[in-house]
Amino acid sequence: MLEGDASLLQYISESKSFTTTRIILSDIRDITDTPNFSQIATIFKNAQSNNPKYLLCLDLGEEWFFAMGFNKEEEKLLFWQGLQHHLQSSKEKLTKRKTIQSVSKDLFVGYDLDGDQTLSKQEAWNLLTKLHVTMNVLSFNNMFKKFDTNNNGSIEFEEFVDLMKDRLYKPELEKLFKRVSPGNKKIDLKKMSEMPLMEFHEIKKFLLQTQSESLTEKQIKETLGLFFNNKVESGQYKLSYLTFCNLIFSTENSIFDPKKETVYQVF
């Protein structure tokens, strides 16, 4: 497990950099000791030394797998039990963790290229560029200075969470959000910006009627899957205000499609 963050599994590779050899525990769909894909088993059996007799395989979804070999069955069982414990702990933490923190963590880890658990100016610039946050150098420097609260020349994780909240919150959308989700008319969105407030049927109505989209329910869920969502037990999506802001201003939204002339315009 990665020291300092038990939600990440770190492995060492001769051909990959340290920061690209991490597995987020929440990405693990299943663990099995009887992989039915012969190619992985063959690779282990043909190893030139230390042929492992016992296999564990992590199913990461989308046909991605991570296989591990052990020479002793007790070693495999010990690792399996330990990983199951961390998986359960990770799931509990993720359900309690506010959505913006979860997403920020994934972004932060992905762009912390030197693995020092901070973002340098260049790393922060690269990340914001990838997120299509447009700003000139002066604006960026001012923003970096604002959120580098301890003035150490880098952005730490908690500082990055505050930065993400600031970038995502759009006060001009408050009236629209409350009109689409009337049950939240009396909610203080600034205080509740990360709570899953907007019901799926409200999102669906907004996209299909207000924005005149031609989408199936499956397509709507696929679109929402690109954003910072919270999925409740019923399997329906709910959006926080920050997520709604991100959805509206994302290029995934048809307000940026020049071919659409009748969709809802924010301004």
C-alpha atoms as a PDB file:
ATOM      1  CA  MET A   1       0.000   0.000   0.000  1.00  0.00           C
ATOM      2  CA  LEU A   2       1.211   3.502  -0.773  1.00  0.00           C
ATOM      3  CA  GLU A   3       2.669   5.053   2.354  1.00  0.00           C
ATOM      4  CA  GLY A   4       0.580   8.009   3.445  1.00  0.00           C
ATOM      5  CA  ASP A   5      -2.471   7.048   1.383  1.00  0.00           C
ATOM      6  CA  ALA A   6      -3.967   3.612   2.005  1.00  0.00           C
ATOM      7  CA  SER A   7      -6.481   4.105  -0.822  1.00  0.00           C
ATOM      8  CA  LEU A   8      -3.708   3.511  -3.382  1.00  0.00           C
ATOM      9  CA  LEU A   9      -1.841   0.333  -4.271  1.00  0.00           C
ATOM     10  CA  GLN A  10       1.684   1.091  -5.505  1.00  0.00           C
ATOM     11  CA  TYR A  11       3.802  -1.324  -7.508  1.00  0.00           C
ATOM     12  CA  ILE A  12       7.306  -1.044  -8.937  1.00  0.00           C
ATOM     13  CA  SER A  13       7.992  -1.323 -12.646  1.00  0.00           C
ATOM     14  CA  GLU A  14      11.235  -1.218 -14.607  1.00  0.00           C
ATOM     15  CA  SER A  15       9.515   0.361 -17.612  1.00  0.00           C
ATOM     16  CA  LYS A  16       7.018   2.767 -15.983  1.00  0.00           C
ATOM     17  CA  SER A  17       7.460   5.836 -13.814  1.00  0.00           C
ATOM     18  CA  PHE A  18       6.593   5.701 -10.124  1.00  0.00           C
ATOM     19  CA  THR A  19       3.522   7.913 -10.461  1.00  0.00           C
ATOM     20  CA  THR A  20       2.001   5.787 -13.252  1.00  0.00           C
ATOM     21  CA  THR A  21       2.236   2.517 -11.323  1.00  0.00           C
ATOM     22  CA  ARG A  22      -0.610   3.142  -8.889  1.00  0.00           C
ATOM     23  CA  ILE A  23      -3.963   1.413  -8.585  1.00  0.00           C
ATOM     24  CA  ILE A  24      -6.821   3.266  -6.915  1.00  0.00           C
ATOM     25  CA  LEU A  25      -8.544   0.747  -4.644  1.00  0.00           C
ATOM     26  CA  SER A  26     -11.994   2.017  -5.594  1.00  0.00           C
ATOM     27  CA  ASP A  27     -11.231   0.955  -9.194  1.00  0.00           C
ATOM     28  CA  ILE A  28     -10.934  -2.712  -8.217  1.00  0.00           C
ATOM     29  CA  ARG A  29     -14.096  -4.522  -9.276  1.00  0.00           C
ATOM     30  CA  ASP A  30     -13.187  -8.032  -8.132  1.00  0.00           C
ATOM     31  CA  ILE A  31     -10.344 -10.188  -6.803  1.00  0.00           C
ATOM     32  CA  THR A  32      -9.975 -13.769  -7.957  1.00  0.00           C
ATOM     33  CA  ASP A  33      -7.440 -16.558  -7.584  1.00  0.00           C
ATOM     34  CA  THR A  34      -8.772 -18.507 -10.540  1.00  0.00           C
ATOM     35  CA  PRO A  35      -8.271 -16.267 -13.575  1.00  0.00           C
ATOM     36  CA  ASN A  36      -9.816 -17.791 -16.680  1.00  0.00           C
ATOM     37  CA  PHE A  37      -7.605 -15.799 -19.028  1.00  0.00           C
ATOM     38  CA  SER A  38      -4.827 -18.201 -19.968  1.00  0.00           C
ATOM     39  CA  GLN A  39      -2.469 -15.510 -21.305  1.00  0.00           C
ATOM     40  CA  ILE A  40      -1.669 -14.129 -17.848  1.00  0.00           C
ATOM     41  CA  ALA A  41      -1.234 -17.583 -16.377  1.00  0.00           C
ATOM     42  CA  THR A  42       1.098 -18.503 -19.250  1.00  0.00           C
ATOM     43  CA  ILE A  43       3.276 -15.444 -18.621  1.00  0.00           C
ATOM     44  CA  PHE A  44       3.773 -16.470 -15.016  1.00  0.00           C
ATOM     45  CA  LYS A  45       4.430 -20.122 -15.859  1.00  0.00           C
ATOM     46  CA  ASN A  46       7.046 -19.135 -18.439  1.00  0.00           C
ATOM     47  CA  ALA A  47       8.932 -16.839 -16.058  1.00  0.00           C
ATOM     48  CA  GLN A  48      12.632 -17.677 -16.035  1.00  0.00           C
ATOM     49  CA  SER A  49      12.977 -17.632 -12.265  1.00  0.00           C
ATOM     50  CA  ASN A  50      10.852 -17.782  -9.142  1.00  0.00           C
ATOM     51  CA  ASN A  51       7.894 -19.327 -10.921  1.00  0.00           C
ATOM     52  CA  PRO A  52       4.887 -18.329  -8.811  1.00  0.00           C
ATOM     53  CA  LYS A  53       2.474 -21.163  -8.140  1.00  0.00           C
ATOM     54  CA  TYR A  54      -0.368 -19.072  -6.732  1.00  0.00           C
ATOM     55  CA  LEU A  55      -2.064 -16.258  -8.610  1.00  0.00           C
ATOM     56  CA  LEU A  56      -4.218 -13.294  -7.605  1.00  0.00           C
ATOM     57  CA  CYS A  57      -5.902 -11.116 -10.195  1.00  0.00           C
ATOM     58  CA  LEU A  58      -7.464  -7.684  -9.730  1.00  0.00           C
ATOM     59  CA  ASP A  59     -10.287  -6.865 -12.148  1.00  0.00           C
ATOM     60  CA  LEU A  60     -10.039  -3.111 -12.843  1.00  0.00           C
ATOM     61  CA  GLY A  61     -12.951  -2.985 -15.294  1.00  0.00           C
ATOM     62  CA  GLU A  62     -12.968  -2.227 -19.033  1.00  0.00           C
ATOM     63  CA  GLU A  63     -10.982  -5.440 -19.628  1.00  0.00           C
ATOM     64  CA  TRP A  64      -8.016  -4.256 -17.551  1.00  0.00           C
ATOM     65  CA  PHE A  65      -6.488  -6.723 -15.111  1.00  0.00           C
ATOM     66  CA  PHE A  66      -3.559  -6.690 -12.716  1.00  0.00           C
ATOM     67  CA  ALA A  67      -2.093 -10.091 -11.887  1.00  0.00           C
ATOM     68  CA  MET A  68       0.234 -11.017  -9.025  1.00  0.00           C
ATOM     69  CA  GLY A  69       2.127 -14.232  -8.396  1.00  0.00           C
ATOM     70  CA  PHE A  70       3.084 -15.752  -5.035  1.00  0.00           C
ATOM     71  CA  ASN A  71       5.394 -18.659  -4.281  1.00  0.00           C
ATOM     72  CA  LYS A  72       3.562 -19.621  -1.097  1.00  0.00           C
ATOM     73  CA  GLU A  73      -0.176 -19.979  -0.605  1.00  0.00           C
ATOM     74  CA  GLU A  74      -0.028 -18.384   2.853  1.00  0.00           C
ATOM     75  CA  GLU A  75       1.613 -15.286   1.321  1.00  0.00           C
ATOM     76  CA  LYS A  76      -1.177 -15.020  -1.219  1.00  0.00           C
ATOM     77  CA  LEU A  77      -3.871 -15.445   1.437  1.00  0.00           C
ATOM     78  CA  LEU A  78      -2.220 -12.872   3.715  1.00  0.00           C
ATOM     79  CA  PHE A  79      -2.042 -10.304   0.903  1.00  0.00           C
ATOM     80  CA  TRP A  80      -5.623 -11.065  -0.176  1.00  0.00           C
ATOM     81  CA  GLN A  81      -6.965 -10.603   3.345  1.00  0.00           C
ATOM     82  CA  GLY A  82      -5.007  -7.381   3.812  1.00  0.00           C
ATOM     83  CA  LEU A  83      -6.174  -5.995   0.487  1.00  0.00           C
ATOM     84  CA  GLN A  84      -9.791  -6.871   1.276  1.00  0.00           C
ATOM     85  CA  HIS A  85      -9.464  -4.949   4.544  1.00  0.00           C
ATOM     86  CA  HIS A  86      -8.090  -1.882   2.777  1.00  0.00           C
ATOM     87  CA  LEU A  87     -10.751  -2.158   0.073  1.00  0.00           C
ATOM     88  CA  GLN A  88     -13.504  -2.084   2.691  1.00  0.00           C
ATOM     89  CA  SER A  89     -11.868   0.819   4.497  1.00  0.00           C
ATOM     90  CA  SER A  90     -11.444   2.673   1.209  1.00  0.00           C
ATOM     91  CA  LYS A  91     -15.121   2.189   0.295  1.00  0.00           C
ATOM     92  CA  GLU A  92     -16.214   3.481   3.690  1.00  0.00           C
ATOM     93  CA  LYS A  93     -13.986   6.524   3.339  1.00  0.00           C
ATOM     94  CA  LEU A  94     -15.221   7.227  -0.170  1.00  0.00           C
ATOM     95  CA  THR A  95     -18.865   7.117   0.888  1.00  0.00           C
ATOM     96  CA  LYS A  96     -18.126   9.582   3.679  1.00  0.00           C
ATOM     97  CA  ARG A  97     -15.790  11.774   1.652  1.00  0.00           C
ATOM     98  CA  LYS A  98     -17.308  14.774  -0.032  1.00  0.00           C
ATOM     99  CA  THR A  99     -17.526  14.390  -3.791  1.00  0.00           C
ATOM    100  CA  ILE A 100     -15.202  17.244  -4.665  1.00  0.00           C
ATOM    101  CA  GLN A 101     -12.496  15.746  -2.443  1.00  0.00           C
ATOM    102  CA  SER A 102     -12.771  12.375  -4.170  1.00  0.00           C
ATOM    103  CA  VAL A 103     -12.419  13.870  -7.630  1.00  0.00           C
ATOM    104  CA  SER A 104      -9.700  16.269  -6.526  1.00  0.00           C
ATOM    105  CA  LYS A 105      -7.727  13.327  -5.137  1.00  0.00           C
ATOM    106  CA  ASP A 106      -7.746  11.514  -8.479  1.00  0.00           C
ATOM    107  CA  LEU A 107      -6.657  14.663 -10.325  1.00  0.00           C
ATOM    108  CA  PHE A 108      -4.037  15.547  -7.722  1.00  0.00           C
ATOM    109  CA  VAL A 109      -2.397  12.106  -7.820  1.00  0.00           C
ATOM    110  CA  GLY A 110      -2.463  12.022 -11.620  1.00  0.00           C
ATOM    111  CA  TYR A 111      -0.602  15.329 -12.000  1.00  0.00           C
ATOM    112  CA  ASP A 112       1.778  15.037  -9.052  1.00  0.00           C
ATOM    113  CA  LEU A 113       4.445  13.823 -11.463  1.00  0.00           C
ATOM    114  CA  ASP A 114       7.340  13.714  -9.005  1.00  0.00           C
ATOM    115  CA  GLY A 115       5.257  11.993  -6.328  1.00  0.00           C
ATOM    116  CA  ASP A 116       6.072  14.528  -3.587  1.00  0.00           C
ATOM    117  CA  GLN A 117       2.357  14.911  -2.662  1.00  0.00           C
ATOM    118  CA  THR A 118       2.311  18.565  -3.740  1.00  0.00           C
ATOM    119  CA  LEU A 119       1.704  20.358  -7.038  1.00  0.00           C
ATOM    120  CA  SER A 120       4.440  22.610  -8.316  1.00  0.00           C
ATOM    121  CA  LYS A 121       3.525  25.618 -10.438  1.00  0.00           C
ATOM    122  CA  GLN A 122       4.184  23.653 -13.615  1.00  0.00           C
ATOM    123  CA  GLU A 123       2.147  20.655 -12.437  1.00  0.00           C
ATOM    124  CA  ALA A 124      -0.745  22.931 -11.432  1.00  0.00           C
ATOM    125  CA  TRP A 125      -0.576  24.696 -14.798  1.00  0.00           C
ATOM    126  CA  ASN A 126      -0.616  21.372 -16.656  1.00  0.00           C
ATOM    127  CA  LEU A 127      -3.641  20.179 -14.669  1.00  0.00           C
ATOM    128  CA  LEU A 128      -5.693  23.348 -15.173  1.00  0.00           C
ATOM    129  CA  THR A 129      -4.832  23.343 -18.869  1.00  0.00           C
ATOM    130  CA  LYS A 130      -6.088  19.755 -19.111  1.00  0.00           C
ATOM    131  CA  LEU A 131      -9.315  20.848 -17.397  1.00  0.00           C
ATOM    132  CA  HIS A 132      -9.691  23.623 -20.008  1.00  0.00           C
ATOM    133  CA  VAL A 133      -9.438  26.364 -17.370  1.00  0.00           C
ATOM    134  CA  THR A 134      -8.380  29.345 -19.461  1.00  0.00           C
ATOM    135  CA  MET A 135      -6.262  32.051 -17.808  1.00  0.00           C
ATOM    136  CA  ASN A 136      -3.201  34.106 -18.616  1.00  0.00           C
ATOM    137  CA  VAL A 137       0.073  33.809 -16.732  1.00  0.00           C
ATOM    138  CA  LEU A 138      -0.676  36.772 -14.455  1.00  0.00           C
ATOM    139  CA  SER A 139      -4.090  35.366 -13.442  1.00  0.00           C
ATOM    140  CA  PHE A 140      -2.555  31.960 -12.853  1.00  0.00           C
ATOM    141  CA  ASN A 141       0.227  33.382 -10.674  1.00  0.00           C
ATOM    142  CA  ASN A 142      -2.298  35.348  -8.614  1.00  0.00           C
ATOM    143  CA  MET A 143      -4.487  32.262  -8.201  1.00  0.00           C
ATOM    144  CA  PHE A 144      -1.496  30.090  -7.253  1.00  0.00           C
ATOM    145  CA  LYS A 145      -0.400  32.627  -4.648  1.00  0.00           C
ATOM    146  CA  LYS A 146      -3.955  32.855  -3.265  1.00  0.00           C
ATOM    147  CA  PHE A 147      -4.274  29.104  -2.669  1.00  0.00           C
ATOM    148  CA  ASP A 148      -0.681  28.500  -1.582  1.00  0.00           C
ATOM    149  CA  THR A 149      -1.774  29.491   1.909  1.00  0.00           C
ATOM    150  CA  ASN A 150       1.414  28.375   3.663  1.00  0.00           C
ATOM    151  CA  ASN A 151       3.594  30.154   1.052  1.00  0.00           C
ATOM    152  CA  ASN A 152       5.852  27.161   0.422  1.00  0.00           C
ATOM    153  CA  GLY A 153       5.779  27.535  -3.378  1.00  0.00           C
ATOM    154  CA  SER A 154       3.553  24.514  -4.016  1.00  0.00           C
ATOM    155  CA  ILE A 155      -0.098  23.470  -3.728  1.00  0.00           C
ATOM    156  CA  GLU A 156      -0.857  20.759  -1.195  1.00  0.00           C
ATOM    157  CA  PHE A 157      -3.949  18.574  -1.386  1.00  0.00           C
ATOM    158  CA  GLU A 158      -6.212  20.518   0.991  1.00  0.00           C
ATOM    159  CA  GLU A 159      -5.211  23.735  -0.776  1.00  0.00           C
ATOM    160  CA  PHE A 160      -6.038  22.080  -4.098  1.00  0.00           C
ATOM    161  CA  VAL A 161      -9.517  21.116  -2.845  1.00  0.00           C
ATOM    162  CA  ASP A 162     -10.165  24.790  -2.014  1.00  0.00           C
ATOM    163  CA  LEU A 163      -8.893  25.756  -5.463  1.00  0.00           C
ATOM    164  CA  MET A 164     -11.262  23.297  -7.149  1.00  0.00           C
ATOM    165  CA  LYS A 165     -14.243  24.600  -5.180  1.00  0.00           C
ATOM    166  CA  ASP A 166     -13.383  28.147  -6.184  1.00  0.00           C
ATOM    167  CA  ARG A 167     -13.004  27.230  -9.869  1.00  0.00           C
ATOM    168  CA  LEU A 168     -16.247  25.227 -10.027  1.00  0.00           C
ATOM    169  CA  TYR A 169     -18.647  27.451  -8.081  1.00  0.00           C
ATOM    170  CA  LYS A 170     -20.686  29.690 -10.438  1.00  0.00           C
ATOM    171  CA  PRO A 171     -23.017  32.073  -8.541  1.00  0.00           C
ATOM    172  CA  GLU A 172     -24.782  33.036 -11.780  1.00  0.00           C
ATOM    173  CA  LEU A 173     -26.318  29.539 -11.974  1.00  0.00           C
ATOM    174  CA  GLU A 174     -27.964  29.563  -8.538  1.00  0.00           C
ATOM    175  CA  LYS A 175     -31.378  30.728  -9.826  1.00  0.00           C
ATOM    176  CA  LEU A 176     -31.348  28.171 -12.634  1.00  0.00           C
ATOM    177  CA  PHE A 177     -30.427  25.335 -10.248  1.00  0.00           C
ATOM    178  CA  LYS A 178     -33.283  26.207  -7.888  1.00  0.00           C
ATOM    179  CA  ARG A 179     -35.731  26.536 -10.776  1.00  0.00           C
ATOM    180  CA  VAL A 180     -34.776  23.105 -12.113  1.00  0.00           C
ATOM    181  CA  SER A 181     -34.792  21.603  -8.605  1.00  0.00           C
ATOM    182  CA  PRO A 182     -37.577  23.510  -6.767  1.00  0.00           C
ATOM    183  CA  GLY A 183     -37.211  21.420  -3.633  1.00  0.00           C
ATOM    184  CA  ASN A 184     -33.933  23.244  -2.997  1.00  0.00           C
ATOM    185  CA  LYS A 185     -35.297  26.804  -3.218  1.00  0.00           C
ATOM    186  CA  LYS A 186     -34.480  27.576   0.420  1.00  0.00           C
ATOM    187  CA  ILE A 187     -31.095  25.833   0.407  1.00  0.00           C
ATOM    188  CA  ASP A 188     -27.945  27.911   0.945  1.00  0.00           C
ATOM    189  CA  LEU A 189     -25.990  26.579  -2.027  1.00  0.00           C
ATOM    190  CA  LYS A 190     -22.708  28.024  -0.815  1.00  0.00           C
ATOM    191  CA  LYS A 191     -22.905  25.959   2.347  1.00  0.00           C
ATOM    192  CA  MET A 192     -24.400  22.899   0.626  1.00  0.00           C
ATOM    193  CA  SER A 193     -22.504  23.084  -2.671  1.00  0.00           C
ATOM    194  CA  GLU A 194     -21.075  19.555  -2.368  1.00  0.00           C
ATOM    195  CA  MET A 195     -24.243  17.794  -1.236  1.00  0.00           C
ATOM    196  CA  PRO A 196     -26.152  15.634  -3.778  1.00  0.00           C
ATOM    197  CA  LEU A 197     -29.258  17.829  -4.082  1.00  0.00           C
ATOM    198  CA  MET A 198     -30.673  17.547  -7.611  1.00  0.00           C
ATOM    199  CA  GLU A 199     -32.683  14.383  -8.319  1.00  0.00           C
ATOM    200  CA  PHE A 200     -32.165  12.361 -11.480  1.00  0.00           C
ATOM    201  CA  HIS A 201     -35.690  13.039 -12.812  1.00  0.00           C
ATOM    202  CA  GLU A 202     -34.975  16.783 -12.487  1.00  0.00           C
ATOM    203  CA  ILE A 203     -31.723  16.463 -14.406  1.00  0.00           C
ATOM    204  CA  LYS A 204     -33.466  14.386 -17.057  1.00  0.00           C
ATOM    205  CA  LYS A 205     -36.293  16.929 -17.436  1.00  0.00           C
ATOM    206  CA  PHE A 206     -33.780  19.779 -17.693  1.00  0.00           C
ATOM    207  CA  LEU A 207     -31.779  18.090 -20.445  1.00  0.00           C
ATOM    208  CA  LEU A 208     -34.745  16.780 -22.445  1.00  0.00           C
ATOM    209  CA  GLN A 209     -37.171  19.678 -22.115  1.00  0.00           C
ATOM    210  CA  THR A 210     -35.291  22.838 -21.189  1.00  0.00           C
ATOM    211  CA  GLN A 211     -32.275  22.099 -23.379  1.00  0.00           C
ATOM    212  CA  SER A 212     -34.249  20.141 -25.998  1.00  0.00           C
ATOM    213  CA  GLU A 213     -31.808  17.246 -26.030  1.00  0.00           C
ATOM    214  CA  SER A 214     -32.544  13.978 -27.813  1.00  0.00           C
ATOM    215  CA  LEU A 215     -31.071  11.532 -25.321  1.00  0.00           C
ATOM    216  CA  THR A 216     -32.060   8.163 -23.933  1.00  0.00           C
ATOM    217  CA  GLU A 217     -31.892   7.596 -20.176  1.00  0.00           C
ATOM    218  CA  LYS A 218     -28.795   5.465 -20.716  1.00  0.00           C
ATOM    219  CA  GLN A 219     -27.097   8.258 -22.655  1.00  0.00           C
ATOM    220  CA  ILE A 220     -27.931  10.751 -19.916  1.00  0.00           C
ATOM    221  CA  LYS A 221     -26.343   8.495 -17.316  1.00  0.00           C
ATOM    222  CA  GLU A 222     -23.285   8.035 -19.517  1.00  0.00           C
ATOM    223  CA  THR A 223     -22.977  11.814 -19.817  1.00  0.00           C
ATOM    224  CA  LEU A 224     -23.351  12.279 -16.075  1.00  0.00           C
ATOM    225  CA  GLY A 225     -20.722   9.610 -15.541  1.00  0.00           C
ATOM    226  CA  LEU A 226     -18.132  12.061 -16.874  1.00  0.00           C
ATOM    227  CA  PHE A 227     -18.769  14.420 -13.986  1.00  0.00           C
ATOM    228  CA  PHE A 228     -18.566  14.446 -10.211  1.00  0.00           C
ATOM    229  CA  ASN A 229     -21.586  12.353  -9.288  1.00  0.00           C
ATOM    230  CA  ASN A 230     -23.028  10.627  -6.292  1.00  0.00           C
ATOM    231  CA  LYS A 231     -24.959   7.430  -7.010  1.00  0.00           C
ATOM    232  CA  VAL A 232     -27.595   6.514  -4.439  1.00  0.00           C
ATOM    233  CA  GLU A 233     -28.846   3.016  -3.586  1.00  0.00           C
ATOM    234  CA  SER A 234     -31.692   3.171  -6.107  1.00  0.00           C
ATOM    235  CA  GLY A 235     -29.131   3.447  -8.882  1.00  0.00           C
ATOM    236  CA  GLN A 236     -30.240   6.959  -9.802  1.00  0.00           C
ATOM    237  CA  TYR A 237     -27.809   9.820 -10.125  1.00  0.00           C
ATOM    238  CA  LYS A 238     -27.944  12.967  -8.018  1.00  0.00           C
ATOM    239  CA  LEU A 239     -25.993  16.143  -8.656  1.00  0.00           C
ATOM    240  CA  SER A 240     -24.430  18.578  -6.252  1.00  0.00           C
ATOM    241  CA  TYR A 241     -24.441  22.265  -7.129  1.00  0.00           C
ATOM    242  CA  LEU A 242     -20.728  22.144  -7.982  1.00  0.00           C
ATOM    243  CA  THR A 243     -21.373  19.218 -10.306  1.00  0.00           C
ATOM    244  CA  PHE A 244     -24.246  21.062 -11.955  1.00  0.00           C
ATOM    245  CA  CYS A 245     -21.983  24.068 -12.565  1.00  0.00           C
ATOM    246  CA  ASN A 246     -19.359  21.815 -14.091  1.00  0.00           C
ATOM    247  CA  LEU A 247     -21.945  20.113 -16.309  1.00  0.00           C
ATOM    248  CA  ILE A 248     -23.368  23.399 -17.605  1.00  0.00           C
ATOM    249  CA  PHE A 249     -19.987  24.925 -18.431  1.00  0.00           C
ATOM    250  CA  SER A 250     -18.444  21.741 -19.792  1.00  0.00           C
ATOM    251  CA  THR A 251     -17.912  21.248 -23.499  1.00  0.00           C
ATOM    252  CA  GLU A 252     -20.033  18.106 -23.074  1.00  0.00           C
ATOM    253  CA  ASN A 253     -23.028  20.409 -22.699  1.00  0.00           C
ATOM    254  CA  SER A 254     -24.825  21.341 -25.910  1.00  0.00           C
ATOM    255  CA  ILE A 255     -24.862  25.067 -25.109  1.00  0.00           C
ATOM    256  CA  PHE A 256     -21.403  25.030 -26.681  1.00  0.00           C
ATOM    257  CA  ASP A 257     -22.589  23.200 -29.800  1.00  0.00           C
ATOM    258  CA  PRO A 258     -22.930  25.789 -32.614  1.00  0.00           C
ATOM    259  CA  LYS A 259     -25.438  23.525 -34.369  1.00  0.00           C
ATOM    260  CA  LYS A 260     -27.881  23.863 -31.474  1.00  0.00           C
ATOM    261  CA  GLU A 261     -29.853  27.090 -31.573  1.00  0.00           C
ATOM    262  CA  THR A 262     -32.710  26.375 -29.157  1.00  0.00           C
ATOM    263  CA  VAL A 263     -30.902  25.001 -26.116  1.00  0.00           C
ATOM    264  CA  TYR A 264     -30.984  26.895 -22.852  1.00  0.00           C
ATOM    265  CA  GLN A 265     -28.491  29.763 -22.814  1.00  0.00           C
ATOM    266  CA  VAL A 266     -27.040  30.610 -19.423  1.00  0.00           C
ATOM    267  CA  PHE A 267     -26.419  34.285 -20.027  1.00  0.00           C
END
